Amino acid sequence: MRNIWFDSLDAIKRYVRFEPGEWKGFAITIFVLAFIVSFNDWGAEKADLAVGGINFLGAVIIVALSLFGRTWIQKIVGAVMGYRTEYKPTTSGLLFAVILAFVTGGRFWFLIPGGIVMHFMAGQRLGWAKYMLSPFGLGVVSIFGPIGNIIMAMFFRVLHAFTQIDLFYTAFILNLIWALWTLTPIPPADGSRMFFGSRMAYMWCIGLVVASAALLYSNINIFLSILLSFIFAWVWWLIYYLVWERYIFKGY
């Protein structure tokens, strides 16, 4: 057990970092999503560059923190499992998000800006994932994308509770919506890797994230929200297994 912890901490220390090639993708994603988030914050009656610029800068900050937070969590999990993760934006996802922002007047946020690419690190050779880049391993790392957004949502909700700054509430909502969008089983969303890696794990994650988002939005105590979310996730997982995997799908 001690060696496992030592190896995991060593892997985190050595491999959890943002690669030079990621920064361009981060910058593009941050500025596009910040534009969408601040779409309706450029003045009440007509566009005001001063007001819009300040709101856009605030959106850049919360989007950057959210993106770095969720990606960092996935990098930590990946390093422990022997994978090097790298964020890659998707042009189609970002372009579609901008088009929807204009069509809906900024009322609809499409948040599948990109996903992570994972590389197998043979030298790590940790645990059950040490021999190959397995679909299940990819799914496990991907699960922590939406979970990372939920953690960031909790962080921003606490900040808003203490400061009453509207920007932090916007960040809270952003992460809830982002977590739900990434559950979609469409590449490059995390849900696509979860679904093909393990349907059972995917359904458990859906239960956890959806319940967490609903409970946190309902302003229920965070610790109670966590407890109820885990209970709902396991109940939902059991119902799915009994109804679909065991009696309808039957393992095929």
Protein backbone atom coordinates (compact mmCIF):
# COMPACT_ATOMS: atom_id res chain seq x y z
CA MET A 1 0.00 0.00 0.00
CA ARG A 2 2.84 2.37 0.85
CA ASN A 3 4.49 1.73 -2.54
CA ILE A 4 1.21 2.45 -4.34
CA TRP A 5 0.88 5.81 -2.61
CA PHE A 6 4.54 6.63 -3.20
CA ASP A 7 4.34 5.71 -6.89
CA SER A 8 1.12 7.68 -7.34
CA LEU A 9 2.55 10.81 -5.70
CA ASP A 10 5.73 10.45 -7.75
CA ALA A 11 3.70 10.14 -10.97
CA ILE A 12 1.67 13.24 -10.07
CA LYS A 13 4.82 15.21 -9.31
CA ARG A 14 6.58 14.18 -12.52
CA TYR A 15 3.80 14.09 -15.11
CA VAL A 16 0.96 16.40 -14.02
CA ARG A 17 1.71 19.55 -15.97
CA PHE A 18 0.35 21.50 -18.88
CA GLU A 19 2.28 20.72 -22.05
CA PRO A 20 3.60 23.56 -24.28
CA GLY A 21 1.33 22.41 -27.11
CA GLU A 22 -1.78 22.77 -24.95
CA TRP A 23 -1.58 26.50 -24.33
CA LYS A 24 -2.81 27.51 -27.78
CA GLY A 25 -5.82 25.23 -27.39
CA PHE A 26 -6.47 26.62 -23.91
CA ALA A 27 -6.32 30.21 -25.18
CA ILE A 28 -8.71 29.58 -28.07
CA THR A 29 -11.18 27.72 -25.86
CA ILE A 30 -11.09 30.31 -23.09
CA PHE A 31 -11.69 33.29 -25.37
CA VAL A 32 -14.49 31.59 -27.32
CA LEU A 33 -16.33 30.38 -24.21
CA ALA A 34 -15.77 33.74 -22.48
CA PHE A 35 -17.38 35.46 -25.48
CA ILE A 36 -20.40 33.15 -25.19
CA VAL A 37 -20.72 33.54 -21.42
CA SER A 38 -20.51 37.36 -21.64
CA PHE A 39 -22.65 37.58 -24.80
CA ASN A 40 -25.47 39.50 -23.09
CA ASP A 41 -23.25 41.59 -20.84
CA TRP A 42 -22.16 44.33 -23.24
CA GLY A 43 -24.68 46.96 -22.15
CA ALA A 44 -28.39 47.15 -21.38
CA GLU A 45 -29.71 49.01 -24.45
CA LYS A 46 -26.71 49.28 -26.76
CA ALA A 47 -23.21 47.88 -26.82
CA ASP A 48 -20.81 49.56 -24.40
CA LEU A 49 -17.17 48.63 -24.94
CA ALA A 50 -16.14 49.60 -21.41
CA VAL A 51 -18.88 47.54 -19.74
CA GLY A 52 -18.53 44.70 -22.21
CA GLY A 53 -14.76 44.62 -21.87
CA ILE A 54 -14.92 44.33 -18.08
CA ASN A 55 -17.56 41.57 -18.24
CA PHE A 56 -15.59 39.76 -20.94
CA LEU A 57 -12.46 39.88 -18.78
CA GLY A 58 -14.43 38.45 -15.86
CA ALA A 59 -15.73 35.68 -18.12
CA VAL A 60 -12.17 34.93 -19.25
CA ILE A 61 -11.11 34.47 -15.62
CA ILE A 62 -13.92 32.09 -14.62
CA VAL A 63 -13.70 30.07 -17.84
CA ALA A 64 -9.93 29.74 -17.45
CA LEU A 65 -10.24 28.59 -13.83
CA SER A 66 -12.96 26.10 -14.77
CA LEU A 67 -11.06 24.69 -17.75
CA PHE A 68 -7.74 24.43 -15.89
CA GLY A 69 -9.46 22.90 -12.86
CA ARG A 70 -11.28 20.11 -14.72
CA THR A 71 -8.24 19.37 -16.92
CA TRP A 72 -5.89 19.32 -13.93
CA ILE A 73 -8.05 16.77 -12.13
CA GLN A 74 -8.08 14.54 -15.22
CA LYS A 75 -4.31 14.86 -15.51
CA ILE A 76 -3.88 13.74 -11.89
CA VAL A 77 -6.07 10.66 -12.39
CA GLY A 78 -4.38 9.88 -15.69
CA ALA A 79 -0.88 10.11 -14.23
CA VAL A 80 -1.79 7.76 -11.39
CA MET A 81 -3.05 5.25 -13.97
CA GLY A 82 0.01 5.62 -16.20
CA TYR A 83 -1.52 7.92 -18.84
CA ARG A 84 -0.35 11.32 -20.00
CA THR A 85 -3.37 13.47 -20.80
CA GLU A 86 -3.44 16.44 -23.17
CA TYR A 87 -6.28 18.87 -23.85
CA LYS A 88 -7.32 19.36 -27.48
CA PRO A 89 -10.00 21.84 -28.62
CA THR A 90 -12.40 20.97 -31.43
CA THR A 91 -13.05 23.54 -34.15
CA SER A 92 -16.54 22.23 -34.91
CA GLY A 93 -17.59 22.34 -31.26
CA LEU A 94 -16.36 25.90 -30.73
CA LEU A 95 -17.83 27.14 -34.02
CA PHE A 96 -21.19 25.52 -33.28
CA ALA A 97 -21.18 27.13 -29.81
CA VAL A 98 -20.63 30.59 -31.32
CA ILE A 99 -23.36 30.10 -33.93
CA LEU A 100 -25.84 29.00 -31.26
CA ALA A 101 -24.92 32.02 -29.14
CA PHE A 102 -25.87 34.36 -31.99
CA VAL A 103 -29.01 32.40 -32.95
CA THR A 104 -30.32 32.22 -29.38
CA GLY A 105 -29.12 35.64 -28.27
CA GLY A 106 -26.64 34.15 -25.82
CA ARG A 107 -29.32 32.21 -23.94
CA PHE A 108 -28.02 28.77 -24.98
CA TRP A 109 -24.52 27.62 -24.02
CA PHE A 110 -23.13 24.70 -25.99
CA LEU A 111 -20.19 23.49 -23.92
CA ILE A 112 -18.34 20.74 -25.73
CA PRO A 113 -15.28 22.80 -26.69
CA GLY A 114 -12.87 19.89 -26.84
CA GLY A 115 -11.61 16.87 -24.96
CA ILE A 116 -8.54 15.12 -23.68
CA VAL A 117 -6.18 12.92 -25.64
CA MET A 118 -4.43 10.24 -23.61
CA HIS A 119 -1.00 8.73 -24.22
CA PHE A 120 0.19 5.50 -22.65
CA MET A 121 3.35 5.84 -20.55
CA ALA A 122 4.90 2.38 -20.58
CA GLY A 123 7.57 3.38 -18.08
CA GLN A 124 4.99 4.00 -15.37
CA ARG A 125 3.55 0.47 -15.40
CA LEU A 126 1.14 1.11 -12.54
CA GLY A 127 -1.75 -1.13 -11.58
CA TRP A 128 -4.13 -2.90 -13.92
CA ALA A 129 -3.62 -0.29 -16.68
CA LYS A 130 0.10 -0.99 -17.02
CA TYR A 131 0.07 -3.04 -20.22
CA MET A 132 -2.11 -1.07 -22.63
CA LEU A 133 -4.21 2.00 -23.33
CA SER A 134 -7.53 0.34 -22.54
CA PRO A 135 -11.04 1.68 -23.30
CA PHE A 136 -11.96 1.20 -19.65
CA GLY A 137 -8.92 3.18 -18.51
CA LEU A 138 -9.81 5.99 -20.91
CA GLY A 139 -13.36 5.93 -19.54
CA VAL A 140 -12.20 6.14 -15.92
CA VAL A 141 -10.03 9.21 -16.62
CA SER A 142 -12.85 10.80 -18.64
CA ILE A 143 -15.30 10.39 -15.76
CA PHE A 144 -13.29 12.96 -13.82
CA GLY A 145 -14.04 15.62 -16.42
CA PRO A 146 -17.67 16.19 -15.37
CA ILE A 147 -16.78 15.37 -11.78
CA GLY A 148 -14.11 18.07 -12.01
CA ASN A 149 -16.76 20.54 -13.15
CA ILE A 150 -18.95 19.60 -10.20
CA ILE A 151 -16.02 20.19 -7.83
CA MET A 152 -15.40 23.58 -9.45
CA ALA A 153 -19.13 24.38 -9.14
CA MET A 154 -18.94 23.70 -5.40
CA PHE A 155 -15.88 25.93 -5.13
CA PHE A 156 -17.60 28.83 -6.90
CA ARG A 157 -20.82 28.37 -4.93
CA VAL A 158 -18.87 28.74 -1.69
CA LEU A 159 -17.12 31.84 -3.05
CA HIS A 160 -20.47 33.35 -4.04
CA ALA A 161 -21.94 32.59 -0.62
CA PHE A 162 -19.12 34.46 1.09
CA THR A 163 -18.74 37.36 -1.34
CA GLN A 164 -22.13 37.69 -3.07
CA ILE A 165 -20.26 38.52 -6.28
CA ASP A 166 -22.44 37.75 -9.31
CA LEU A 167 -19.45 36.59 -11.37
CA PHE A 168 -18.92 33.65 -9.02
CA TYR A 169 -22.58 32.64 -9.40
CA THR A 170 -22.14 32.74 -13.18
CA ALA A 171 -19.09 30.49 -12.77
CA PHE A 172 -21.17 28.14 -10.62
CA ILE A 173 -23.86 27.87 -13.32
CA LEU A 174 -21.22 27.54 -16.04
CA ASN A 175 -19.68 24.49 -14.38
CA LEU A 176 -23.04 22.81 -13.77
CA ILE A 177 -23.98 23.18 -17.44
CA TRP A 178 -20.49 22.15 -18.56
CA ALA A 179 -20.67 18.99 -16.43
CA LEU A 180 -24.00 18.01 -17.99
CA TRP A 181 -22.84 18.68 -21.56
CA THR A 182 -19.71 16.54 -21.14
CA LEU A 183 -21.87 13.54 -20.27
CA THR A 184 -23.08 13.49 -23.89
CA PRO A 185 -21.77 10.31 -25.60
CA ILE A 186 -20.65 12.27 -28.66
CA PRO A 187 -16.93 12.71 -29.42
CA PRO A 188 -14.93 14.56 -28.20
CA ALA A 189 -17.07 14.85 -25.04
CA ASP A 190 -15.93 12.83 -22.03
CA GLY A 191 -19.20 10.91 -22.16
CA SER A 192 -18.18 9.24 -25.43
CA ARG A 193 -15.16 7.61 -23.79
CA MET A 194 -17.15 6.74 -20.68
CA PHE A 195 -19.90 5.08 -22.71
CA PHE A 196 -17.56 2.92 -24.79
CA GLY A 197 -15.26 2.22 -21.86
CA SER A 198 -17.95 0.90 -19.53
CA ARG A 199 -21.69 1.40 -19.77
CA MET A 200 -22.06 0.59 -16.09
CA ALA A 201 -19.53 3.23 -15.05
CA TYR A 202 -21.12 5.67 -17.50
CA MET A 203 -24.58 5.24 -15.98
CA TRP A 204 -23.18 5.61 -12.46
CA CYS A 205 -21.49 8.86 -13.48
CA ILE A 206 -24.71 10.15 -15.07
CA GLY A 207 -26.56 9.53 -11.82
CA LEU A 208 -23.86 11.23 -9.76
CA VAL A 209 -23.44 14.31 -11.96
CA VAL A 210 -27.13 14.91 -12.70
CA ALA A 211 -28.07 14.53 -9.04
CA SER A 212 -25.18 16.76 -7.94
CA ALA A 213 -26.12 19.46 -10.44
CA ALA A 214 -29.78 19.41 -9.41
CA LEU A 215 -29.06 19.43 -5.68
CA LEU A 216 -26.39 22.12 -5.85
CA TYR A 217 -28.64 24.32 -7.97
CA SER A 218 -31.41 23.83 -5.41
CA ASN A 219 -29.08 25.47 -2.86
CA ILE A 220 -29.01 22.41 -0.61
CA ASN A 221 -26.09 22.10 1.81
CA ILE A 222 -23.01 20.99 -0.11
CA PHE A 223 -22.14 18.05 2.17
CA LEU A 224 -25.74 16.81 2.07
CA SER A 225 -25.71 17.23 -1.72
CA ILE A 226 -22.60 15.03 -1.97
CA LEU A 227 -24.14 12.32 0.21
CA LEU A 228 -27.48 12.30 -1.62
CA SER A 229 -25.75 12.37 -4.99
CA PHE A 230 -23.73 9.24 -4.21
CA ILE A 231 -26.83 7.48 -2.93
CA PHE A 232 -28.76 8.41 -6.08
CA ALA A 233 -25.84 7.34 -8.29
CA TRP A 234 -25.75 3.85 -6.80
CA VAL A 235 -29.55 3.49 -6.87
CA TRP A 236 -29.64 4.63 -10.50
CA TRP A 237 -26.76 2.26 -11.32
CA LEU A 238 -28.61 -0.67 -9.72
CA ILE A 239 -31.86 0.13 -11.52
CA TYR A 240 -30.04 0.34 -14.84
CA TYR A 241 -28.28 -2.97 -14.23
CA LEU A 242 -31.42 -4.84 -13.17
CA VAL A 243 -33.68 -3.43 -15.89
CA TRP A 244 -31.36 -3.17 -18.89
CA GLU A 245 -28.12 -5.14 -18.50
CA ARG A 246 -29.62 -8.17 -16.78
CA TYR A 247 -33.09 -8.56 -18.28
CA ILE A 248 -33.16 -6.70 -21.60
CA PHE A 249 -29.64 -6.38 -22.96
CA LYS A 250 -28.38 -9.54 -21.21
CA GLY A 251 -24.71 -8.73 -21.62
CA TYR A 252 -24.66 -8.55 -25.42
